[in-house]
Amino acid sequence: MNTYAIVVTWSDEDGVWIAEAPDLDPCAAHGPTPEAAVAELRVAMQAWLAVARESGLPIPPARYRPGTAAAE
């Protein structure tokens, strides 16, 4: 799980920090600080991966790199 990229941005609309894992779409979380958003995202990522494993769905490789388009 530590190899997946995490993108953190500020949302003016919501007034919170948003953390996303682009390779695990949709997997995002928010918090009042960047650190809190990332901590919540790590919980969401664990849940995302657990559900995929339990459902027999493929686990996507870590391919996204910030500053580039997601790998196709």
N, C-alpha and C. Protein backbone atom coordinates (compact mmCIF):
# COMPACT_ATOMS: atom_id res chain seq x y z
N MET A 1 0.83 -1.20 0.00
CA MET A 1 0.00 0.00 0.00
C MET A 1 0.86 1.25 0.00
N ASN A 2 2.06 1.19 0.52
CA ASN A 2 2.90 2.37 0.60
C ASN A 2 3.42 2.82 -0.75
N THR A 3 3.25 2.01 -1.80
CA THR A 3 3.75 2.40 -3.11
C THR A 3 2.76 3.22 -3.92
N TYR A 4 1.53 3.30 -3.48
CA TYR A 4 0.53 4.08 -4.22
C TYR A 4 0.73 5.57 -3.98
N ALA A 5 0.66 6.34 -5.07
CA ALA A 5 0.78 7.78 -4.98
C ALA A 5 -0.42 8.36 -4.24
N ILE A 6 -0.18 9.43 -3.51
CA ILE A 6 -1.23 10.16 -2.82
C ILE A 6 -1.14 11.61 -3.25
N VAL A 7 -2.26 12.14 -3.69
CA VAL A 7 -2.33 13.54 -4.13
C VAL A 7 -3.20 14.29 -3.13
N VAL A 8 -2.66 15.39 -2.61
CA VAL A 8 -3.38 16.19 -1.61
C VAL A 8 -3.61 17.58 -2.17
N THR A 9 -4.86 18.02 -2.14
CA THR A 9 -5.21 19.36 -2.62
C THR A 9 -6.19 20.01 -1.66
N TRP A 10 -6.23 21.34 -1.72
CA TRP A 10 -7.16 22.11 -0.91
C TRP A 10 -8.45 22.31 -1.70
N SER A 11 -9.59 22.15 -1.06
CA SER A 11 -10.89 22.40 -1.70
C SER A 11 -11.50 23.67 -1.13
N ASP A 12 -11.50 24.73 -1.92
CA ASP A 12 -12.15 25.97 -1.48
C ASP A 12 -13.64 25.75 -1.26
N GLU A 13 -14.24 24.95 -2.13
CA GLU A 13 -15.68 24.69 -2.06
C GLU A 13 -16.08 24.03 -0.74
N ASP A 14 -15.27 23.06 -0.29
CA ASP A 14 -15.59 22.31 0.92
C ASP A 14 -14.87 22.83 2.16
N GLY A 15 -13.81 23.61 1.96
CA GLY A 15 -13.04 24.13 3.09
C GLY A 15 -12.25 23.06 3.82
N VAL A 16 -11.80 22.04 3.08
CA VAL A 16 -11.02 20.94 3.67
C VAL A 16 -9.92 20.52 2.70
N TRP A 17 -8.97 19.76 3.23
CA TRP A 17 -7.95 19.14 2.40
C TRP A 17 -8.49 17.82 1.89
N ILE A 18 -8.24 17.53 0.62
CA ILE A 18 -8.68 16.29 -0.02
C ILE A 18 -7.44 15.47 -0.36
N ALA A 19 -7.43 14.22 0.03
CA ALA A 19 -6.36 13.29 -0.32
C ALA A 19 -6.96 12.20 -1.20
N GLU A 20 -6.29 11.91 -2.31
CA GLU A 20 -6.77 10.91 -3.25
C GLU A 20 -5.67 9.93 -3.61
N ALA A 21 -6.05 8.69 -3.90
CA ALA A 21 -5.14 7.68 -4.42
C ALA A 21 -5.58 7.39 -5.86
N PRO A 22 -4.97 8.05 -6.85
CA PRO A 22 -5.45 7.94 -8.23
C PRO A 22 -5.50 6.52 -8.78
N ASP A 23 -4.60 5.65 -8.33
CA ASP A 23 -4.61 4.27 -8.84
C ASP A 23 -5.76 3.45 -8.27
N LEU A 24 -6.37 3.91 -7.20
CA LEU A 24 -7.47 3.17 -6.56
C LEU A 24 -8.77 3.94 -6.72
N ASP A 25 -9.09 4.28 -7.94
CA ASP A 25 -10.27 5.10 -8.22
C ASP A 25 -11.54 4.31 -7.99
N PRO A 26 -12.51 4.78 -7.25
CA PRO A 26 -12.50 6.01 -6.47
C PRO A 26 -12.02 5.74 -5.04
N CYS A 27 -11.01 6.46 -4.62
CA CYS A 27 -10.53 6.33 -3.25
C CYS A 27 -10.01 7.69 -2.81
N ALA A 28 -10.76 8.33 -1.93
CA ALA A 28 -10.41 9.67 -1.47
C ALA A 28 -10.90 9.86 -0.05
N ALA A 29 -10.33 10.85 0.61
CA ALA A 29 -10.74 11.20 1.97
C ALA A 29 -10.43 12.68 2.18
N HIS A 30 -10.93 13.22 3.28
CA HIS A 30 -10.67 14.64 3.54
C HIS A 30 -10.38 14.86 5.01
N GLY A 31 -9.84 16.03 5.30
CA GLY A 31 -9.54 16.38 6.68
C GLY A 31 -9.21 17.85 6.81
N PRO A 32 -9.13 18.36 8.04
CA PRO A 32 -8.86 19.78 8.27
C PRO A 32 -7.41 20.17 8.00
N THR A 33 -6.51 19.18 7.94
CA THR A 33 -5.11 19.43 7.62
C THR A 33 -4.68 18.40 6.57
N PRO A 34 -3.60 18.67 5.85
CA PRO A 34 -3.13 17.67 4.89
C PRO A 34 -2.81 16.34 5.57
N GLU A 35 -2.21 16.40 6.74
CA GLU A 35 -1.86 15.18 7.47
C GLU A 35 -3.09 14.37 7.86
N ALA A 36 -4.13 15.06 8.29
CA ALA A 36 -5.37 14.37 8.67
C ALA A 36 -6.02 13.74 7.45
N ALA A 37 -6.00 14.44 6.32
CA ALA A 37 -6.59 13.89 5.10
C ALA A 37 -5.84 12.64 4.66
N VAL A 38 -4.51 12.65 4.74
CA VAL A 38 -3.71 11.48 4.36
C VAL A 38 -3.97 10.33 5.33
N ALA A 39 -4.08 10.62 6.61
CA ALA A 39 -4.36 9.56 7.59
C ALA A 39 -5.70 8.90 7.29
N GLU A 40 -6.70 9.70 6.97
CA GLU A 40 -8.02 9.15 6.63
C GLU A 40 -7.95 8.37 5.32
N LEU A 41 -7.16 8.87 4.37
CA LEU A 41 -7.03 8.17 3.10
C LEU A 41 -6.38 6.80 3.30
N ARG A 42 -5.40 6.71 4.16
CA ARG A 42 -4.75 5.41 4.41
C ARG A 42 -5.76 4.39 4.92
N VAL A 43 -6.69 4.81 5.76
CA VAL A 43 -7.76 3.92 6.23
C VAL A 43 -8.64 3.52 5.05
N ALA A 44 -8.99 4.49 4.21
CA ALA A 44 -9.83 4.21 3.05
C ALA A 44 -9.13 3.28 2.06
N MET A 45 -7.82 3.46 1.88
CA MET A 45 -7.06 2.59 0.98
C MET A 45 -7.05 1.15 1.48
N GLN A 46 -6.86 0.97 2.78
CA GLN A 46 -6.89 -0.39 3.34
C GLN A 46 -8.25 -1.04 3.10
N ALA A 47 -9.31 -0.27 3.29
CA ALA A 47 -10.66 -0.80 3.06
C ALA A 47 -10.87 -1.11 1.58
N TRP A 48 -10.43 -0.22 0.70
CA TRP A 48 -10.57 -0.41 -0.74
C TRP A 48 -9.90 -1.71 -1.16
N LEU A 49 -8.66 -1.90 -0.71
CA LEU A 49 -7.90 -3.10 -1.07
C LEU A 49 -8.52 -4.36 -0.47
N ALA A 50 -9.02 -4.27 0.75
CA ALA A 50 -9.65 -5.43 1.40
C ALA A 50 -10.90 -5.87 0.63
N VAL A 51 -11.72 -4.91 0.23
CA VAL A 51 -12.94 -5.23 -0.52
C VAL A 51 -12.58 -5.84 -1.87
N ALA A 52 -11.58 -5.28 -2.54
CA ALA A 52 -11.17 -5.83 -3.84
C ALA A 52 -10.69 -7.28 -3.68
N ARG A 53 -9.89 -7.53 -2.66
CA ARG A 53 -9.40 -8.90 -2.43
C ARG A 53 -10.55 -9.86 -2.12
N GLU A 54 -11.45 -9.43 -1.23
CA GLU A 54 -12.58 -10.27 -0.83
C GLU A 54 -13.51 -10.56 -2.01
N SER A 55 -13.60 -9.60 -2.93
CA SER A 55 -14.50 -9.74 -4.09
C SER A 55 -13.82 -10.42 -5.27
N GLY A 56 -12.52 -10.70 -5.13
CA GLY A 56 -11.79 -11.32 -6.23
C GLY A 56 -11.48 -10.37 -7.36
N LEU A 57 -11.52 -9.08 -7.09
CA LEU A 57 -11.22 -8.08 -8.12
C LEU A 57 -9.71 -7.87 -8.21
N PRO A 58 -9.23 -7.47 -9.39
CA PRO A 58 -7.79 -7.26 -9.53
C PRO A 58 -7.32 -6.05 -8.71
N ILE A 59 -6.12 -6.17 -8.19
CA ILE A 59 -5.50 -5.06 -7.46
C ILE A 59 -4.65 -4.30 -8.47
N PRO A 60 -4.96 -3.03 -8.71
CA PRO A 60 -4.20 -2.30 -9.72
C PRO A 60 -2.76 -2.05 -9.27
N PRO A 61 -1.83 -2.07 -10.22
CA PRO A 61 -0.45 -1.75 -9.86
C PRO A 61 -0.33 -0.26 -9.55
N ALA A 62 0.68 0.09 -8.78
CA ALA A 62 0.96 1.49 -8.50
C ALA A 62 1.67 2.07 -9.71
N ARG A 63 0.93 2.90 -10.48
CA ARG A 63 1.50 3.43 -11.72
C ARG A 63 1.47 4.94 -11.79
N TYR A 64 0.57 5.58 -11.07
CA TYR A 64 0.42 7.03 -11.15
C TYR A 64 1.66 7.73 -10.58
N ARG A 65 2.10 8.76 -11.25
CA ARG A 65 3.19 9.61 -10.77
C ARG A 65 2.72 11.04 -10.87
N PRO A 66 2.75 11.80 -9.77
CA PRO A 66 2.32 13.20 -9.82
C PRO A 66 3.05 13.96 -10.93
N GLY A 67 2.31 14.83 -11.57
CA GLY A 67 2.89 15.63 -12.63
C GLY A 67 2.79 14.98 -13.99
N THR A 68 2.22 13.78 -14.04
CA THR A 68 2.03 13.08 -15.31
C THR A 68 0.60 12.58 -15.37
N ALA A 69 0.17 12.25 -16.53
CA ALA A 69 -1.15 11.64 -16.66
C ALA A 69 -1.07 10.23 -16.11
N ALA A 70 -2.16 9.74 -15.60
CA ALA A 70 -2.19 8.37 -15.10
C ALA A 70 -1.83 7.42 -16.24
N ALA A 71 -1.07 6.41 -15.93
CA ALA A 71 -0.65 5.45 -16.96
C ALA A 71 -1.87 4.73 -17.53
N GLU A 72 -1.81 4.45 -18.79
CA GLU A 72 -2.93 3.77 -19.44
C GLU A 72 -2.72 2.30 -19.52
